[in-house]
Amino acid sequence: DLTIDYLARESSCANGSGHQPARLME
């Protein structure tokens, strides 16, 4: 009875879909 609305990939925090979030936050 646990609702999961969204599933995310940890690797996308490094890069994904043309973005580099880790570099940006650095």
PDB file of all heavy atoms in Angstrom:
ATOM      1  N   ASP A   1       0.828  -1.221   0.000  1.00  0.00           N
ATOM      2  CA  ASP A   1       0.000   0.000   0.000  1.00  0.00           C
ATOM      3  C   ASP A   1       0.859   1.265   0.000  1.00  0.00           C
ATOM      4  O   ASP A   1       0.523   2.267   0.644  1.00  0.00           O
ATOM      5  CB  ASP A   1      -0.955   0.022   1.202  1.00  0.00           C
ATOM      6  CG  ASP A   1      -2.022  -1.054   1.113  1.00  0.00           C
ATOM      7  OD1 ASP A   1      -2.461  -1.356  -0.012  1.00  0.00           O
ATOM      8  OD2 ASP A   1      -2.397  -1.611   2.162  1.00  0.00           O
ATOM      9  N   LEU A   2       1.977   1.198  -0.712  1.00  0.00           N
ATOM     10  CA  LEU A   2       2.877   2.345  -0.842  1.00  0.00           C
ATOM     11  C   LEU A   2       2.724   2.933  -2.241  1.00  0.00           C
ATOM     12  O   LEU A   2       2.901   2.238  -3.238  1.00  0.00           O
ATOM     13  CB  LEU A   2       4.331   1.913  -0.614  1.00  0.00           C
ATOM     14  CG  LEU A   2       5.389   2.995  -0.823  1.00  0.00           C
ATOM     15  CD1 LEU A   2       5.238   4.109   0.213  1.00  0.00           C
ATOM     16  CD2 LEU A   2       6.800   2.394  -0.755  1.00  0.00           C
ATOM     17  N   THR A   3       2.398   4.212  -2.305  1.00  0.00           N
ATOM     18  CA  THR A   3       2.219   4.895  -3.580  1.00  0.00           C
ATOM     19  C   THR A   3       3.528   5.518  -4.041  1.00  0.00           C
ATOM     20  O   THR A   3       4.162   6.260  -3.280  1.00  0.00           O
ATOM     21  CB  THR A   3       1.153   5.999  -3.461  1.00  0.00           C
ATOM     22  OG1 THR A   3      -0.086   5.419  -3.053  1.00  0.00           O
ATOM     23  CG2 THR A   3       0.973   6.720  -4.794  1.00  0.00           C
ATOM     24  N   ILE A   4       3.943   5.211  -5.250  1.00  0.00           N
ATOM     25  CA  ILE A   4       5.130   5.819  -5.852  1.00  0.00           C
ATOM     26  C   ILE A   4       4.679   6.600  -7.085  1.00  0.00           C
ATOM     27  O   ILE A   4       4.214   6.024  -8.069  1.00  0.00           O
ATOM     28  CB  ILE A   4       6.173   4.761  -6.251  1.00  0.00           C
ATOM     29  CG1 ILE A   4       6.610   3.956  -5.021  1.00  0.00           C
ATOM     30  CG2 ILE A   4       7.387   5.430  -6.898  1.00  0.00           C
ATOM     31  CD1 ILE A   4       7.582   2.829  -5.350  1.00  0.00           C
ATOM     32  N   ASP A   5       4.788   7.913  -7.006  1.00  0.00           N
ATOM     33  CA  ASP A   5       4.342   8.763  -8.112  1.00  0.00           C
ATOM     34  C   ASP A   5       5.400   8.928  -9.191  1.00  0.00           C
ATOM     35  O   ASP A   5       5.081   9.001 -10.386  1.00  0.00           O
ATOM     36  CB  ASP A   5       3.957  10.145  -7.587  1.00  0.00           C
ATOM     37  CG  ASP A   5       2.732  10.106  -6.684  1.00  0.00           C
ATOM     38  OD1 ASP A   5       1.803   9.336  -6.997  1.00  0.00           O
ATOM     39  OD2 ASP A   5       2.714  10.838  -5.676  1.00  0.00           O
ATOM     40  N   TYR A   6       6.667   9.029  -8.774  1.00  0.00           N
ATOM     41  CA  TYR A   6       7.744   9.289  -9.726  1.00  0.00           C
ATOM     42  C   TYR A   6       8.927   8.362  -9.447  1.00  0.00           C
ATOM     43  O   TYR A   6       9.238   8.058  -8.293  1.00  0.00           O
ATOM     44  CB  TYR A   6       8.239  10.737  -9.623  1.00  0.00           C
ATOM     45  CG  TYR A   6       7.184  11.760  -9.952  1.00  0.00           C
ATOM     46  CD1 TYR A   6       6.432  12.370  -8.934  1.00  0.00           C
ATOM     47  CD2 TYR A   6       6.923  12.129 -11.262  1.00  0.00           C
ATOM     48  CE1 TYR A   6       5.458  13.301  -9.221  1.00  0.00           C
ATOM     49  CE2 TYR A   6       5.949  13.070 -11.561  1.00  0.00           C
ATOM     50  CZ  TYR A   6       5.213  13.650 -10.542  1.00  0.00           C
ATOM     51  OH  TYR A   6       4.247  14.573 -10.841  1.00  0.00           O
ATOM     52  N   LEU A   7       9.585   7.939 -10.508  1.00  0.00           N
ATOM     53  CA  LEU A   7      10.812   7.156 -10.395  1.00  0.00           C
ATOM     54  C   LEU A   7      11.922   7.905 -11.116  1.00  0.00           C
ATOM     55  O   LEU A   7      11.755   8.327 -12.262  1.00  0.00           O
ATOM     56  CB  LEU A   7      10.625   5.763 -10.983  1.00  0.00           C
ATOM     57  CG  LEU A   7      11.806   4.816 -10.794  1.00  0.00           C
ATOM     58  CD1 LEU A   7      11.341   3.420 -10.386  1.00  0.00           C
ATOM     59  CD2 LEU A   7      12.646   4.749 -12.076  1.00  0.00           C
ATOM     60  N   ALA A   8      13.067   8.078 -10.413  1.00  0.00           N
ATOM     61  CA  ALA A   8      14.188   8.840 -10.976  1.00  0.00           C
ATOM     62  C   ALA A   8      15.453   8.004 -10.995  1.00  0.00           C
ATOM     63  O   ALA A   8      15.614   7.072 -10.211  1.00  0.00           O
ATOM     64  CB  ALA A   8      14.415  10.111 -10.161  1.00  0.00           C
ATOM     65  N   ARG A   9      16.359   8.349 -11.911  1.00  0.00           N
ATOM     66  CA  ARG A   9      17.658   7.672 -12.030  1.00  0.00           C
ATOM     67  C   ARG A   9      18.746   8.509 -11.364  1.00  0.00           C
ATOM     68  O   ARG A   9      18.886   9.701 -11.633  1.00  0.00           O
ATOM     69  CB  ARG A   9      18.028   7.479 -13.505  1.00  0.00           C
ATOM     70  CG  ARG A   9      17.079   6.577 -14.277  1.00  0.00           C
ATOM     71  CD  ARG A   9      17.639   6.254 -15.653  1.00  0.00           C
ATOM     72  NE  ARG A   9      17.761   7.424 -16.512  1.00  0.00           N
ATOM     73  CZ  ARG A   9      18.921   7.930 -16.928  1.00  0.00           C
ATOM     74  NH1 ARG A   9      20.064   7.421 -16.523  1.00  0.00           N
ATOM     75  NH2 ARG A   9      18.925   8.971 -17.739  1.00  0.00           N
ATOM     76  N   GLU A  10      19.545   7.882 -10.497  1.00  0.00           N
ATOM     77  CA  GLU A  10      20.618   8.611  -9.825  1.00  0.00           C
ATOM     78  C   GLU A  10      21.672   9.102 -10.816  1.00  0.00           C
ATOM     79  O   GLU A  10      22.257  10.166 -10.642  1.00  0.00           O
ATOM     80  CB  GLU A  10      21.275   7.743  -8.752  1.00  0.00           C
ATOM     81  CG  GLU A  10      22.273   8.503  -7.901  1.00  0.00           C
ATOM     82  CD  GLU A  10      22.643   7.791  -6.625  1.00  0.00           C
ATOM     83  OE1 GLU A  10      22.295   6.602  -6.476  1.00  0.00           O
ATOM     84  OE2 GLU A  10      23.294   8.419  -5.768  1.00  0.00           O
ATOM     85  N   SER A  11      21.911   8.338 -11.876  1.00  0.00           N
ATOM     86  CA  SER A  11      22.916   8.753 -12.861  1.00  0.00           C
ATOM     87  C   SER A  11      22.534  10.056 -13.547  1.00  0.00           C
ATOM     88  O   SER A  11      23.404  10.805 -14.011  1.00  0.00           O
ATOM     89  CB  SER A  11      23.127   7.662 -13.907  1.00  0.00           C
ATOM     90  OG  SER A  11      21.948   7.440 -14.659  1.00  0.00           O
ATOM     91  N   SER A  12      21.239  10.360 -13.604  1.00  0.00           N
ATOM     92  CA  SER A  12      20.813  11.607 -14.236  1.00  0.00           C
ATOM     93  C   SER A  12      21.158  12.825 -13.391  1.00  0.00           C
ATOM     94  O   SER A  12      21.093  13.951 -13.876  1.00  0.00           O
ATOM     95  CB  SER A  12      19.306  11.575 -14.519  1.00  0.00           C
ATOM     96  OG  SER A  12      18.554  11.600 -13.319  1.00  0.00           O
ATOM     97  N   CYS A  13      21.516  12.607 -12.117  1.00  0.00           N
ATOM     98  CA  CYS A  13      22.001  13.710 -11.288  1.00  0.00           C
ATOM     99  C   CYS A  13      23.404  14.126 -11.723  1.00  0.00           C
ATOM    100  O   CYS A  13      23.850  15.241 -11.445  1.00  0.00           O
ATOM    101  CB  CYS A  13      22.010  13.324  -9.808  1.00  0.00           C
ATOM    102  SG  CYS A  13      20.367  13.013  -9.125  1.00  0.00           S
ATOM    103  N   ALA A  14      24.113  13.203 -12.398  1.00  0.00           N
ATOM    104  CA  ALA A  14      25.424  13.525 -12.967  1.00  0.00           C
ATOM    105  C   ALA A  14      25.253  14.158 -14.334  1.00  0.00           C
ATOM    106  O   ALA A  14      25.778  15.239 -14.613  1.00  0.00           O
ATOM    107  CB  ALA A  14      26.285  12.269 -13.050  1.00  0.00           C
ATOM    108  N   ASN A  15      24.518  13.482 -15.205  1.00  0.00           N
ATOM    109  CA  ASN A  15      24.228  14.034 -16.530  1.00  0.00           C
ATOM    110  C   ASN A  15      23.071  13.268 -17.145  1.00  0.00           C
ATOM    111  O   ASN A  15      22.808  12.123 -16.788  1.00  0.00           O
ATOM    112  CB  ASN A  15      25.457  13.983 -17.442  1.00  0.00           C
ATOM    113  CG  ASN A  15      26.006  12.576 -17.574  1.00  0.00           C
ATOM    114  OD1 ASN A  15      25.411  11.726 -18.224  1.00  0.00           O
ATOM    115  ND2 ASN A  15      27.149  12.317 -16.940  1.00  0.00           N
ATOM    116  N   GLY A  16      22.400  13.919 -18.063  1.00  0.00           N
ATOM    117  CA  GLY A  16      21.279  13.279 -18.733  1.00  0.00           C
ATOM    118  C   GLY A  16      20.426  14.279 -19.467  1.00  0.00           C
ATOM    119  O   GLY A  16      20.298  15.432 -19.043  1.00  0.00           O
ATOM    120  N   SER A  17      19.854  13.858 -20.583  1.00  0.00           N
ATOM    121  CA  SER A  17      18.967  14.710 -21.395  1.00  0.00           C
ATOM    122  C   SER A  17      19.626  16.028 -21.779  1.00  0.00           C
ATOM    123  O   SER A  17      18.979  17.078 -21.825  1.00  0.00           O
ATOM    124  CB  SER A  17      17.652  14.969 -20.652  1.00  0.00           C
ATOM    125  OG  SER A  17      16.959  13.762 -20.430  1.00  0.00           O
ATOM    126  N   GLY A  18      20.933  15.968 -22.048  1.00  0.00           N
ATOM    127  CA  GLY A  18      21.632  17.168 -22.491  1.00  0.00           C
ATOM    128  C   GLY A  18      22.051  18.102 -21.381  1.00  0.00           C
ATOM    129  O   GLY A  18      22.592  19.188 -21.663  1.00  0.00           O
ATOM    130  N   HIS A  19      21.819  17.731 -20.139  1.00  0.00           N
ATOM    131  CA  HIS A  19      22.191  18.571 -19.002  1.00  0.00           C
ATOM    132  C   HIS A  19      23.245  17.871 -18.150  1.00  0.00           C
ATOM    133  O   HIS A  19      23.348  16.639 -18.150  1.00  0.00           O
ATOM    134  CB  HIS A  19      20.982  18.884 -18.134  1.00  0.00           C
ATOM    135  CG  HIS A  19      19.876  19.602 -18.856  1.00  0.00           C
ATOM    136  ND1 HIS A  19      19.961  20.928 -19.233  1.00  0.00           N
ATOM    137  CD2 HIS A  19      18.655  19.171 -19.278  1.00  0.00           C
ATOM    138  CE1 HIS A  19      18.850  21.284 -19.850  1.00  0.00           C
ATOM    139  NE2 HIS A  19      18.037  20.242 -19.897  1.00  0.00           N
ATOM    140  N   GLN A  20      24.004  18.670 -17.403  1.00  0.00           N
ATOM    141  CA  GLN A  20      24.990  18.153 -16.458  1.00  0.00           C
ATOM    142  C   GLN A  20      24.748  18.794 -15.098  1.00  0.00           C
ATOM    143  O   GLN A  20      25.463  19.714 -14.688  1.00  0.00           O
ATOM    144  CB  GLN A  20      26.403  18.442 -16.951  1.00  0.00           C
ATOM    145  CG  GLN A  20      26.787  17.697 -18.227  1.00  0.00           C
ATOM    146  CD  GLN A  20      28.226  17.926 -18.616  1.00  0.00           C
ATOM    147  OE1 GLN A  20      28.683  19.059 -18.713  1.00  0.00           O
ATOM    148  NE2 GLN A  20      28.955  16.844 -18.830  1.00  0.00           N
ATOM    149  N   PRO A  21      23.748  18.306 -14.377  1.00  0.00           N
ATOM    150  CA  PRO A  21      23.398  18.926 -13.091  1.00  0.00           C
ATOM    151  C   PRO A  21      24.550  18.976 -12.088  1.00  0.00           C
ATOM    152  O   PRO A  21      24.693  19.958 -11.360  1.00  0.00           O
ATOM    153  CB  PRO A  21      22.256  18.037 -12.581  1.00  0.00           C
ATOM    154  CG  PRO A  21      21.686  17.408 -13.802  1.00  0.00           C
ATOM    155  CD  PRO A  21      22.847  17.198 -14.721  1.00  0.00           C
ATOM    156  N   ALA A  22      25.375  17.910 -12.044  1.00  0.00           N
ATOM    157  CA  ALA A  22      26.471  17.889 -11.073  1.00  0.00           C
ATOM    158  C   ALA A  22      27.478  19.003 -11.374  1.00  0.00           C
ATOM    159  O   ALA A  22      27.925  19.715 -10.464  1.00  0.00           O
ATOM    160  CB  ALA A  22      27.156  16.523 -11.085  1.00  0.00           C
ATOM    161  N   ARG A  23      27.853  19.156 -12.627  1.00  0.00           N
ATOM    162  CA  ARG A  23      28.778  20.232 -12.997  1.00  0.00           C
ATOM    163  C   ARG A  23      28.171  21.602 -12.709  1.00  0.00           C
ATOM    164  O   ARG A  23      28.854  22.532 -12.268  1.00  0.00           O
ATOM    165  CB  ARG A  23      29.122  20.120 -14.482  1.00  0.00           C
ATOM    166  CG  ARG A  23      30.036  18.968 -14.834  1.00  0.00           C
ATOM    167  CD  ARG A  23      31.482  19.253 -14.459  1.00  0.00           C
ATOM    168  NE  ARG A  23      32.380  18.216 -14.946  1.00  0.00           N
ATOM    169  CZ  ARG A  23      33.693  18.229 -14.750  1.00  0.00           C
ATOM    170  NH1 ARG A  23      34.247  19.220 -14.072  1.00  0.00           N
ATOM    171  NH2 ARG A  23      34.453  17.256 -15.210  1.00  0.00           N
ATOM    172  N   LEU A  24      26.874  21.729 -12.969  1.00  0.00           N
ATOM    173  CA  LEU A  24      26.201  22.993 -12.730  1.00  0.00           C
ATOM    174  C   LEU A  24      26.214  23.331 -11.243  1.00  0.00           C
ATOM    175  O   LEU A  24      26.518  24.460 -10.851  1.00  0.00           O
ATOM    176  CB  LEU A  24      24.757  22.932 -13.249  1.00  0.00           C
ATOM    177  CG  LEU A  24      23.930  24.190 -13.047  1.00  0.00           C
ATOM    178  CD1 LEU A  24      24.517  25.350 -13.839  1.00  0.00           C
ATOM    179  CD2 LEU A  24      22.483  23.957 -13.464  1.00  0.00           C
ATOM    180  N   MET A  25      25.902  22.338 -10.398  1.00  0.00           N
ATOM    181  CA  MET A  25      25.882  22.620  -8.969  1.00  0.00           C
ATOM    182  C   MET A  25      27.284  22.882  -8.443  1.00  0.00           C
ATOM    183  O   MET A  25      27.469  23.707  -7.539  1.00  0.00           O
ATOM    184  CB  MET A  25      25.233  21.479  -8.195  1.00  0.00           C
ATOM    185  CG  MET A  25      24.758  21.954  -6.807  1.00  0.00           C
ATOM    186  SD  MET A  25      23.996  20.668  -5.816  1.00  0.00           S
ATOM    187  CE  MET A  25      25.449  19.900  -5.134  1.00  0.00           C
ATOM    188  N   GLU A  26      28.273  22.197  -8.991  1.00  0.00           N
ATOM    189  CA  GLU A  26      29.659  22.464  -8.594  1.00  0.00           C
ATOM    190  C   GLU A  26      29.991  23.943  -8.789  1.00  0.00           C
ATOM    191  O   GLU A  26      30.648  24.570  -7.951  1.00  0.00           O
ATOM    192  CB  GLU A  26      30.612  21.598  -9.405  1.00  0.00           C
ATOM    193  CG  GLU A  26      32.082  21.851  -9.107  1.00  0.00           C
ATOM    194  CD  GLU A  26      33.013  21.268 -10.147  1.00  0.00           C
ATOM    195  OE1 GLU A  26      32.544  20.519 -11.026  1.00  0.00           O
ATOM    196  OE2 GLU A  26      34.219  21.588 -10.094  1.00  0.00           O
TER     197      GLU A  26
END
